[in-house]
N, C-alpha and C. Protein backbone atom coordinates (compact mmCIF):
# COMPACT_ATOMS: atom_id res chain seq x y z
N MET A 1 -12.59 2.30 -1.51
CA MET A 1 -11.00 1.46 -2.13
C MET A 1 -11.33 1.25 -3.38
N ARG A 2 -9.45 1.52 -4.15
CA ARG A 2 -9.71 0.80 -5.37
C ARG A 2 -9.15 -0.58 -5.24
N HIS A 3 -9.71 -0.95 -6.46
CA HIS A 3 -9.57 -2.21 -7.25
C HIS A 3 -8.43 -2.36 -6.89
N ALA A 4 -8.14 -4.00 -6.53
CA ALA A 4 -6.60 -4.78 -6.68
C ALA A 4 -6.18 -4.65 -7.87
N LYS A 5 -4.55 -5.11 -7.73
CA LYS A 5 -3.86 -4.94 -9.50
C LYS A 5 -4.61 -5.63 -10.10
N SER A 6 -4.82 -5.19 -11.14
CA SER A 6 -5.33 -6.08 -12.27
C SER A 6 -4.55 -6.46 -13.42
N ASP A 7 -4.57 -7.60 -14.03
CA ASP A 7 -3.87 -8.02 -15.41
C ASP A 7 -4.33 -7.56 -16.26
N TYR A 8 -3.85 -8.05 -17.21
CA TYR A 8 -3.82 -7.03 -18.91
C TYR A 8 -3.88 -8.01 -19.82
N PRO A 9 -4.59 -9.06 -19.62
CA PRO A 9 -4.58 -10.14 -20.79
C PRO A 9 -4.92 -9.75 -22.21
N ASN A 10 -4.19 -10.10 -23.39
CA ASN A 10 -4.47 -9.48 -24.71
C ASN A 10 -5.66 -9.66 -24.82
N GLY A 11 -6.42 -8.98 -25.69
CA GLY A 11 -7.97 -8.99 -26.04
C GLY A 11 -9.14 -8.79 -25.41
N VAL A 12 -8.67 -8.81 -24.40
CA VAL A 12 -9.64 -8.64 -23.15
C VAL A 12 -9.90 -6.95 -22.99
N PRO A 13 -11.21 -6.55 -22.92
CA PRO A 13 -11.76 -5.10 -22.97
C PRO A 13 -11.46 -4.56 -21.29
N ASP A 14 -10.95 -3.49 -21.27
CA ASP A 14 -10.99 -3.41 -20.04
C ASP A 14 -11.78 -3.51 -18.95
N HIS A 15 -12.89 -3.38 -19.10
CA HIS A 15 -14.06 -3.66 -18.09
C HIS A 15 -13.93 -5.20 -17.48
N ASP A 16 -13.61 -5.63 -18.98
CA ASP A 16 -13.57 -7.29 -18.37
C ASP A 16 -12.20 -7.89 -17.75
N ARG A 17 -11.09 -6.95 -17.54
CA ARG A 17 -10.04 -7.31 -16.67
C ARG A 17 -9.98 -7.94 -15.65
N PRO A 18 -9.42 -9.28 -15.16
CA PRO A 18 -9.31 -9.80 -14.06
C PRO A 18 -7.98 -9.37 -13.23
N LEU A 19 -8.13 -9.83 -12.18
CA LEU A 19 -6.92 -9.67 -11.00
C LEU A 19 -5.93 -10.13 -11.42
N ALA A 20 -4.39 -9.71 -11.08
CA ALA A 20 -3.47 -10.48 -11.19
C ALA A 20 -3.35 -11.29 -10.10
N ALA A 21 -1.87 -12.22 -9.87
CA ALA A 21 -1.82 -12.82 -8.38
C ALA A 21 -1.55 -12.06 -8.13
N ARG A 22 -0.84 -10.48 -7.84
CA ARG A 22 -0.51 -9.83 -6.92
C ARG A 22 -2.19 -9.21 -6.32
N GLY A 23 -2.82 -8.85 -7.25
CA GLY A 23 -4.17 -8.05 -6.69
C GLY A 23 -5.36 -9.17 -6.29
N ILE A 24 -4.95 -10.50 -5.97
CA ILE A 24 -5.95 -11.70 -5.14
C ILE A 24 -5.10 -11.44 -3.72
N ARG A 25 -3.85 -11.75 -3.97
CA ARG A 25 -3.23 -11.63 -2.68
C ARG A 25 -3.68 -10.37 -1.42
N GLU A 26 -3.38 -9.30 -2.30
CA GLU A 26 -3.86 -7.90 -1.60
C GLU A 26 -5.04 -7.47 -1.47
N ALA A 27 -6.00 -8.31 -2.16
CA ALA A 27 -7.45 -8.02 -1.94
C ALA A 27 -8.06 -8.72 -1.08
N SER A 28 -7.45 -9.59 -0.42
CA SER A 28 -7.63 -10.57 0.49
C SER A 28 -6.92 -9.79 1.65
N LEU A 29 -5.80 -9.39 1.64
CA LEU A 29 -5.08 -8.32 2.81
C LEU A 29 -5.89 -6.90 3.31
N ALA A 30 -6.38 -6.50 2.26
CA ALA A 30 -7.62 -5.57 2.25
C ALA A 30 -8.77 -5.74 3.19
N GLY A 31 -8.74 -7.28 2.77
CA GLY A 31 -10.31 -7.45 3.46
C GLY A 31 -10.11 -7.76 5.12
N ASP A 32 -8.81 -8.38 5.34
CA ASP A 32 -8.17 -8.58 6.80
C ASP A 32 -8.65 -7.15 7.39
N TRP A 33 -7.68 -6.08 7.02
CA TRP A 33 -7.13 -5.00 7.16
C TRP A 33 -8.59 -4.12 7.70
N LEU A 34 -9.57 -4.03 6.87
CA LEU A 34 -10.78 -3.68 7.10
C LEU A 34 -11.69 -4.34 7.71
N ARG A 35 -11.46 -5.21 8.09
CA ARG A 35 -12.44 -5.89 9.25
C ARG A 35 -11.83 -5.74 10.55
N ALA A 36 -10.53 -5.55 10.66
CA ALA A 36 -9.67 -5.63 11.67
C ALA A 36 -9.89 -3.66 12.51
N ASN A 37 -10.18 -3.05 11.48
CA ASN A 37 -10.23 -1.38 11.53
C ASN A 37 -11.13 -0.85 11.54
N VAL A 38 -12.16 -0.92 10.60
CA VAL A 38 -13.51 0.08 10.54
C VAL A 38 -14.52 -0.99 11.12
N PRO A 39 -15.73 -0.35 11.32
CA PRO A 39 -16.97 -0.91 11.75
C PRO A 39 -17.23 -1.97 10.73
N ALA A 40 -18.41 -2.91 11.10
CA ALA A 40 -18.25 -3.86 9.91
C ALA A 40 -19.46 -3.51 9.16
N ILE A 41 -19.05 -3.52 7.65
CA ILE A 41 -19.72 -3.12 6.47
C ILE A 41 -21.12 -3.21 6.43
N ASP A 42 -21.85 -2.27 6.27
CA ASP A 42 -23.57 -2.37 5.92
C ASP A 42 -23.90 -2.85 4.38
N LEU A 43 -22.98 -2.48 3.59
CA LEU A 43 -23.20 -2.11 2.09
C LEU A 43 -22.10 -1.82 1.37
N VAL A 44 -22.34 -2.28 0.20
CA VAL A 44 -21.02 -2.04 -0.74
C VAL A 44 -21.64 -1.63 -2.22
N LEU A 45 -20.74 -0.39 -2.22
CA LEU A 45 -21.41 0.14 -3.99
C LEU A 45 -19.98 -0.62 -4.13
N CYS A 46 -20.36 -1.68 -5.50
CA CYS A 46 -18.79 -1.52 -6.52
C CYS A 46 -19.01 -1.48 -7.65
N SER A 47 -18.27 -1.16 -8.55
CA SER A 47 -18.53 -0.91 -10.23
C SER A 47 -18.43 -2.37 -10.81
N SER A 48 -19.26 -2.09 -11.98
CA SER A 48 -19.59 -3.64 -12.24
C SER A 48 -18.00 -4.17 -13.04
N ALA A 49 -16.93 -3.50 -13.16
CA ALA A 49 -16.13 -4.05 -13.74
C ALA A 49 -15.79 -5.38 -13.32
N THR A 50 -14.97 -6.30 -13.72
CA THR A 50 -14.58 -7.92 -13.60
C THR A 50 -13.61 -7.51 -12.26
N ARG A 51 -12.46 -6.89 -12.27
CA ARG A 51 -11.30 -6.34 -11.46
C ARG A 51 -11.88 -5.91 -10.04
N THR A 52 -13.41 -5.11 -10.09
CA THR A 52 -13.86 -4.57 -9.03
C THR A 52 -14.72 -5.74 -8.05
N ARG A 53 -14.93 -6.79 -8.99
CA ARG A 53 -16.08 -7.54 -8.28
C ARG A 53 -14.65 -8.56 -7.94
N GLN A 54 -14.26 -8.96 -8.15
CA GLN A 54 -13.19 -9.69 -7.95
C GLN A 54 -12.48 -9.42 -6.61
N THR A 55 -12.41 -7.91 -6.42
CA THR A 55 -11.36 -7.39 -5.47
C THR A 55 -12.55 -7.82 -4.26
N LEU A 56 -13.80 -7.09 -4.25
CA LEU A 56 -14.73 -7.07 -3.48
C LEU A 56 -14.91 -8.96 -3.03
N ASP A 57 -14.83 -9.72 -3.88
CA ASP A 57 -15.00 -11.20 -3.69
C ASP A 57 -13.87 -11.92 -3.24
N ARG A 58 -12.33 -11.25 -3.10
CA ARG A 58 -11.15 -11.17 -2.55
C ARG A 58 -11.40 -10.98 -0.83
N THR A 59 -11.85 -9.65 -0.74
CA THR A 59 -11.97 -9.31 0.67
C THR A 59 -12.35 -10.11 1.57
N GLN A 60 -13.65 -11.02 1.20
CA GLN A 60 -14.84 -11.65 1.81
C GLN A 60 -15.68 -10.81 2.88
N ILE A 61 -15.82 -9.59 2.19
CA ILE A 61 -16.70 -8.80 3.13
C ILE A 61 -17.84 -9.34 2.54
N SER A 62 -18.92 -9.61 3.54
CA SER A 62 -20.33 -10.12 3.60
C SER A 62 -21.18 -9.59 2.94
N ALA A 63 -20.85 -8.23 3.19
CA ALA A 63 -22.41 -7.47 3.33
C ALA A 63 -23.21 -7.30 1.90
N PRO A 64 -24.50 -6.53 1.61
CA PRO A 64 -25.03 -7.08 0.45
C PRO A 64 -23.87 -5.99 -0.05
N ALA A 65 -24.04 -6.23 -1.62
CA ALA A 65 -23.60 -5.47 -2.68
C ALA A 65 -24.56 -5.18 -3.64
N THR A 66 -24.14 -4.02 -4.16
CA THR A 66 -24.79 -3.44 -5.13
C THR A 66 -23.79 -2.82 -6.52
N TYR A 67 -23.58 -3.80 -7.50
CA TYR A 67 -22.69 -3.18 -8.68
C TYR A 67 -23.48 -2.43 -9.68
N SER A 68 -22.83 -1.79 -10.15
CA SER A 68 -22.82 -0.40 -10.95
C SER A 68 -22.60 0.34 -11.78
N GLU A 69 -22.85 0.18 -13.19
CA GLU A 69 -22.30 0.48 -14.24
C GLU A 69 -21.98 1.70 -14.38
N ARG A 70 -22.45 2.58 -13.38
CA ARG A 70 -21.97 4.08 -13.74
C ARG A 70 -20.71 4.41 -13.23
N LEU A 71 -20.33 3.22 -11.60
CA LEU A 71 -18.97 3.56 -11.10
C LEU A 71 -18.19 2.90 -11.77
N TYR A 72 -18.00 2.48 -12.94
CA TYR A 72 -17.21 2.43 -14.14
C TYR A 72 -16.99 3.78 -14.85
N GLY A 73 -15.90 4.20 -14.64
CA GLY A 73 -15.72 5.37 -15.28
C GLY A 73 -16.26 6.51 -15.10
N ALA A 74 -16.64 6.27 -13.68
CA ALA A 74 -17.27 7.27 -12.96
C ALA A 74 -16.40 8.37 -12.73
N THR A 75 -17.22 9.89 -12.72
CA THR A 75 -16.38 11.11 -12.33
C THR A 75 -16.58 11.08 -10.87
N ALA A 76 -16.02 11.91 -10.15
CA ALA A 76 -16.48 12.31 -8.85
C ALA A 76 -17.48 12.59 -8.59
N GLY A 77 -18.21 13.55 -9.30
CA GLY A 77 -19.32 13.75 -9.23
C GLY A 77 -20.69 12.51 -8.99
N THR A 78 -20.32 11.92 -9.96
CA THR A 78 -21.28 10.51 -10.50
C THR A 78 -21.25 9.45 -9.57
N MET A 79 -19.92 9.69 -8.56
CA MET A 79 -20.09 8.61 -7.59
C MET A 79 -20.26 9.18 -6.35
N ILE A 80 -20.28 10.47 -6.14
CA ILE A 80 -21.15 10.96 -4.99
C ILE A 80 -22.84 11.11 -5.29
N ASP A 81 -22.78 11.20 -6.21
CA ASP A 81 -24.14 11.20 -6.65
C ASP A 81 -24.66 9.41 -6.22
N GLU A 82 -24.11 8.23 -6.42
CA GLU A 82 -24.22 7.21 -6.19
C GLU A 82 -24.30 7.07 -4.59
N ILE A 83 -23.41 7.63 -3.74
CA ILE A 83 -23.24 7.45 -2.42
C ILE A 83 -24.86 8.44 -1.66
N ASN A 84 -25.20 9.28 -2.42
CA ASN A 84 -25.68 10.06 -1.69
C ASN A 84 -27.55 9.49 -1.69
N ASN A 85 -27.84 8.24 -2.74
CA ASN A 85 -28.73 7.45 -3.02
C ASN A 85 -28.53 6.17 -1.89
N VAL A 86 -27.56 6.22 -0.67
CA VAL A 86 -27.82 5.37 -0.15
C VAL A 86 -28.20 5.23 0.86
N ASP A 87 -29.48 4.34 1.71
CA ASP A 87 -30.13 4.32 2.57
C ASP A 87 -29.44 4.98 3.88
N ASP A 88 -29.66 5.68 4.93
CA ASP A 88 -29.25 6.15 5.84
C ASP A 88 -29.48 5.48 7.33
N ASP A 89 -29.79 4.08 7.13
CA ASP A 89 -29.81 2.70 8.02
C ASP A 89 -28.78 2.35 7.59
N VAL A 90 -28.00 2.61 6.48
CA VAL A 90 -26.54 2.57 6.53
C VAL A 90 -25.32 2.93 6.99
N ALA A 91 -25.06 2.13 8.25
CA ALA A 91 -23.85 3.17 8.67
C ALA A 91 -22.38 3.08 8.25
N THR A 92 -22.12 2.17 7.91
CA THR A 92 -21.08 1.81 7.26
C THR A 92 -21.11 1.48 5.90
N LEU A 93 -20.20 2.19 4.69
CA LEU A 93 -20.55 1.65 3.45
C LEU A 93 -19.00 1.74 3.01
N LEU A 94 -18.48 0.99 1.94
CA LEU A 94 -17.50 0.55 1.22
C LEU A 94 -17.80 1.07 -0.30
N VAL A 95 -16.88 1.77 -0.72
CA VAL A 95 -17.01 1.85 -2.41
C VAL A 95 -15.52 1.30 -2.83
N VAL A 96 -16.00 0.02 -4.03
CA VAL A 96 -14.78 -0.21 -4.43
C VAL A 96 -14.87 0.38 -6.04
N GLY A 97 -14.21 1.11 -6.16
CA GLY A 97 -14.00 1.69 -7.59
C GLY A 97 -12.75 1.76 -8.30
N HIS A 98 -12.60 2.85 -8.86
CA HIS A 98 -11.29 3.02 -10.01
C HIS A 98 -10.43 4.14 -9.87
N GLU A 99 -9.67 4.37 -10.05
CA GLU A 99 -8.71 5.72 -10.07
C GLU A 99 -8.96 6.38 -11.36
N PRO A 100 -8.96 7.73 -11.64
CA PRO A 100 -8.61 8.59 -10.62
C PRO A 100 -9.63 8.75 -10.00
N THR A 101 -10.90 8.20 -9.98
CA THR A 101 -12.09 8.67 -9.05
C THR A 101 -12.10 8.82 -7.68
N MET A 102 -11.49 7.26 -7.37
CA MET A 102 -11.52 7.11 -6.18
C MET A 102 -10.53 8.45 -5.10
N SER A 103 -9.65 8.61 -5.59
CA SER A 103 -8.73 9.81 -5.26
C SER A 103 -9.16 11.32 -5.37
N HIS A 104 -9.92 11.30 -5.98
CA HIS A 104 -10.70 12.64 -6.19
C HIS A 104 -11.71 12.64 -5.16
N VAL A 105 -12.55 11.59 -5.29
CA VAL A 105 -13.55 11.48 -4.27
C VAL A 105 -13.08 11.48 -2.79
N ALA A 106 -12.20 10.88 -2.32
CA ALA A 106 -11.53 10.95 -1.03
C ALA A 106 -11.04 12.53 -0.90
N LEU A 107 -10.34 13.06 -1.63
CA LEU A 107 -10.08 14.44 -1.08
C LEU A 107 -11.08 15.52 -1.28
N GLY A 108 -11.86 15.38 -2.40
CA GLY A 108 -13.17 16.29 -2.40
C GLY A 108 -14.07 16.08 -1.03
N LEU A 109 -14.40 14.61 -0.84
CA LEU A 109 -15.11 14.81 0.66
C LEU A 109 -14.70 15.50 1.84
N ALA A 110 -13.12 15.11 1.67
CA ALA A 110 -12.15 15.57 3.11
C ALA A 110 -12.66 17.02 3.28
N ASN A 111 -12.57 17.33 4.72
CA ASN A 111 -12.90 18.50 5.03
C ASN A 111 -11.20 19.01 5.49
N PRO A 112 -10.54 20.20 4.43
CA PRO A 112 -9.27 20.11 4.96
C PRO A 112 -9.02 20.66 6.19
N ASP A 113 -9.91 20.95 6.74
CA ASP A 113 -9.33 21.82 7.99
C ASP A 113 -9.49 20.34 9.46
N GLY A 114 -10.03 19.70 9.02
CA GLY A 114 -10.87 18.43 10.26
C GLY A 114 -9.85 16.94 9.72
N SER A 115 -9.33 16.82 8.70
CA SER A 115 -8.62 15.58 8.00
C SER A 115 -7.23 15.77 8.65
N HIS A 116 -7.10 13.88 8.22
CA HIS A 116 -5.67 13.70 8.53
C HIS A 116 -4.86 14.26 7.39
N THR A 117 -3.92 15.48 7.78
CA THR A 117 -3.92 15.61 6.50
C THR A 117 -2.20 14.54 5.61
N GLY A 118 -1.77 13.96 6.49
CA GLY A 118 -0.59 13.22 6.21
C GLY A 118 -1.25 11.95 5.18
N ALA A 119 -2.73 11.81 5.75
CA ALA A 119 -3.11 10.94 4.72
C ALA A 119 -3.68 11.58 3.51
N ALA A 120 -4.22 12.44 3.29
CA ALA A 120 -4.42 13.40 2.33
C ALA A 120 -3.63 13.82 1.17
N GLU A 121 -2.30 13.92 2.05
CA GLU A 121 -0.89 14.23 1.24
C GLU A 121 -0.64 12.74 0.53
N ARG A 122 -0.48 11.58 1.23
CA ARG A 122 -0.36 10.17 0.94
C ARG A 122 -1.26 10.30 -0.90
N ILE A 123 -2.59 10.39 -0.50
CA ILE A 123 -3.37 10.33 -1.51
C ILE A 123 -3.36 10.88 -2.55
N ALA A 124 -2.87 12.35 -2.45
CA ALA A 124 -2.80 13.54 -3.72
C ALA A 124 -1.51 12.78 -4.22
N VAL A 125 -0.27 12.14 -3.72
CA VAL A 125 0.63 11.87 -4.55
C VAL A 125 -0.10 10.61 -5.03
N LYS A 126 -0.40 9.63 -4.65
CA LYS A 126 -0.64 8.36 -5.44
C LYS A 126 -1.97 7.51 -4.38
N TYR A 127 -2.51 7.03 -5.47
CA TYR A 127 -3.49 6.30 -4.94
C TYR A 127 -3.61 4.64 -5.50
N PRO A 128 -2.86 4.23 -4.75
CA PRO A 128 -2.33 2.96 -5.52
C PRO A 128 -3.54 1.67 -5.24
N THR A 129 -3.34 0.88 -6.21
CA THR A 129 -4.15 -0.54 -6.15
C THR A 129 -4.64 -0.86 -4.67
N SER A 130 -5.61 -1.37 -4.50
CA SER A 130 -5.80 -1.93 -2.83
C SER A 130 -6.02 -1.00 -1.76
N ALA A 131 -5.89 0.08 -2.29
CA ALA A 131 -5.59 1.33 -0.96
C ALA A 131 -7.08 1.46 -0.38
N ILE A 132 -7.01 2.22 0.55
CA ILE A 132 -8.22 2.28 1.46
C ILE A 132 -8.15 3.23 2.00
N ALA A 133 -9.29 4.23 1.56
CA ALA A 133 -9.31 5.83 2.54
C ALA A 133 -10.56 5.60 3.49
N VAL A 134 -10.66 5.97 4.64
CA VAL A 134 -11.37 5.78 5.59
C VAL A 134 -12.09 7.39 5.90
N LEU A 135 -13.28 7.33 5.63
CA LEU A 135 -14.14 8.79 6.42
C LEU A 135 -15.13 8.63 6.72
N SER A 136 -15.21 9.57 7.95
CA SER A 136 -16.17 9.88 8.64
C SER A 136 -16.70 10.68 8.50
N VAL A 137 -18.19 10.34 8.26
CA VAL A 137 -19.38 11.24 7.47
C VAL A 137 -20.42 11.36 8.43
N PRO A 138 -20.45 12.77 9.08
CA PRO A 138 -21.16 13.26 10.25
C PRO A 138 -22.91 13.40 9.60
N VAL A 139 -23.00 13.47 8.31
CA VAL A 139 -24.61 13.68 8.15
C VAL A 139 -24.91 12.47 7.44
N GLY A 140 -26.43 12.26 7.43
CA GLY A 140 -26.90 11.21 6.20
C GLY A 140 -26.37 10.89 5.02
N TRP A 141 -26.39 10.14 4.35
CA TRP A 141 -25.44 10.05 2.97
C TRP A 141 -26.48 10.91 1.62
N ALA A 142 -27.39 11.23 2.09
CA ALA A 142 -28.51 11.78 1.19
C ALA A 142 -27.36 13.56 1.61
N GLY A 143 -26.88 14.17 2.24
CA GLY A 143 -27.02 15.19 2.51
C GLY A 143 -25.09 15.38 2.15
N LEU A 144 -24.61 14.52 2.07
CA LEU A 144 -23.20 14.21 1.86
C LEU A 144 -22.40 15.02 0.63
N GLN A 145 -21.84 16.08 0.63
CA GLN A 145 -21.28 17.24 -0.31
C GLN A 145 -19.93 17.13 -0.12
N LEU A 146 -19.16 17.81 -0.67
CA LEU A 146 -18.02 18.11 -0.98
C LEU A 146 -17.46 18.98 0.38
N ASN A 147 -16.13 18.71 1.17
CA ASN A 147 -15.60 19.15 2.77
C ASN A 147 -16.42 18.32 3.50
N GLY A 148 -17.42 17.75 3.27
CA GLY A 148 -18.22 17.24 4.29
C GLY A 148 -18.25 16.26 5.22
N ALA A 149 -16.73 15.31 5.10
CA ALA A 149 -16.70 14.24 5.84
C ALA A 149 -15.06 14.57 6.55
N GLU A 150 -14.87 13.65 7.21
CA GLU A 150 -13.17 13.64 8.03
C GLU A 150 -12.49 12.28 7.46
N LEU A 151 -11.40 12.60 6.63
CA LEU A 151 -10.20 11.62 6.23
C LEU A 151 -9.58 11.17 7.63
N THR A 152 -9.96 9.95 8.23
CA THR A 152 -9.37 9.51 9.21
C THR A 152 -8.20 8.45 9.13
N ALA A 153 -8.33 7.92 7.94
CA ALA A 153 -7.52 6.93 7.59
C ALA A 153 -6.99 6.50 6.02
N PHE A 154 -5.81 6.26 5.77
CA PHE A 154 -5.72 5.95 4.39
C PHE A 154 -4.43 4.60 4.82
N HIS A 155 -4.91 3.23 3.90
CA HIS A 155 -3.82 2.68 3.96
C HIS A 155 -3.52 1.51 2.77
N VAL A 156 -2.58 1.22 2.72
CA VAL A 156 -2.26 0.41 1.48
C VAL A 156 -2.41 -0.92 1.71
N PRO A 157 -2.74 -1.78 1.81
CA PRO A 157 -2.68 -3.59 2.13
C PRO A 157 -1.44 -3.93 1.14
N ARG A 158 -0.26 -4.26 1.50
CA ARG A 158 0.91 -4.88 0.97
C ARG A 158 1.43 -6.39 2.47
């Protein structure tokens, strides 16, 4: 999931930017969609940035969360490395991060032969704030690598 729409207050460093009013509303809608459309989330990996933390809070997802400085400004490789370190007893993982990393990771992990091509095309065009890519991972987290998942859905809560 990409963080919800953020605000741009004067003098606030990028890492500390809060959510805008629209972001607060859309993060709540994202949480509603997640509860209705994916299995219960067991763990959240979240960037340490204020806007990602506030996004997660507004989703009202109650799973344990790990806040990682590495996910702020992360490359796709860094994010996949963080995912590879998740325990295999975690069945459903939510990652809350930033663009362009989220689109790169979703498209990089998605197997082009087995993925929902409409969703992949939408992600390639734009991965808006609050957007959620759902991937099915057939291996343990440690074994996840490029083209190792199936993109099953892409939702933009509005």
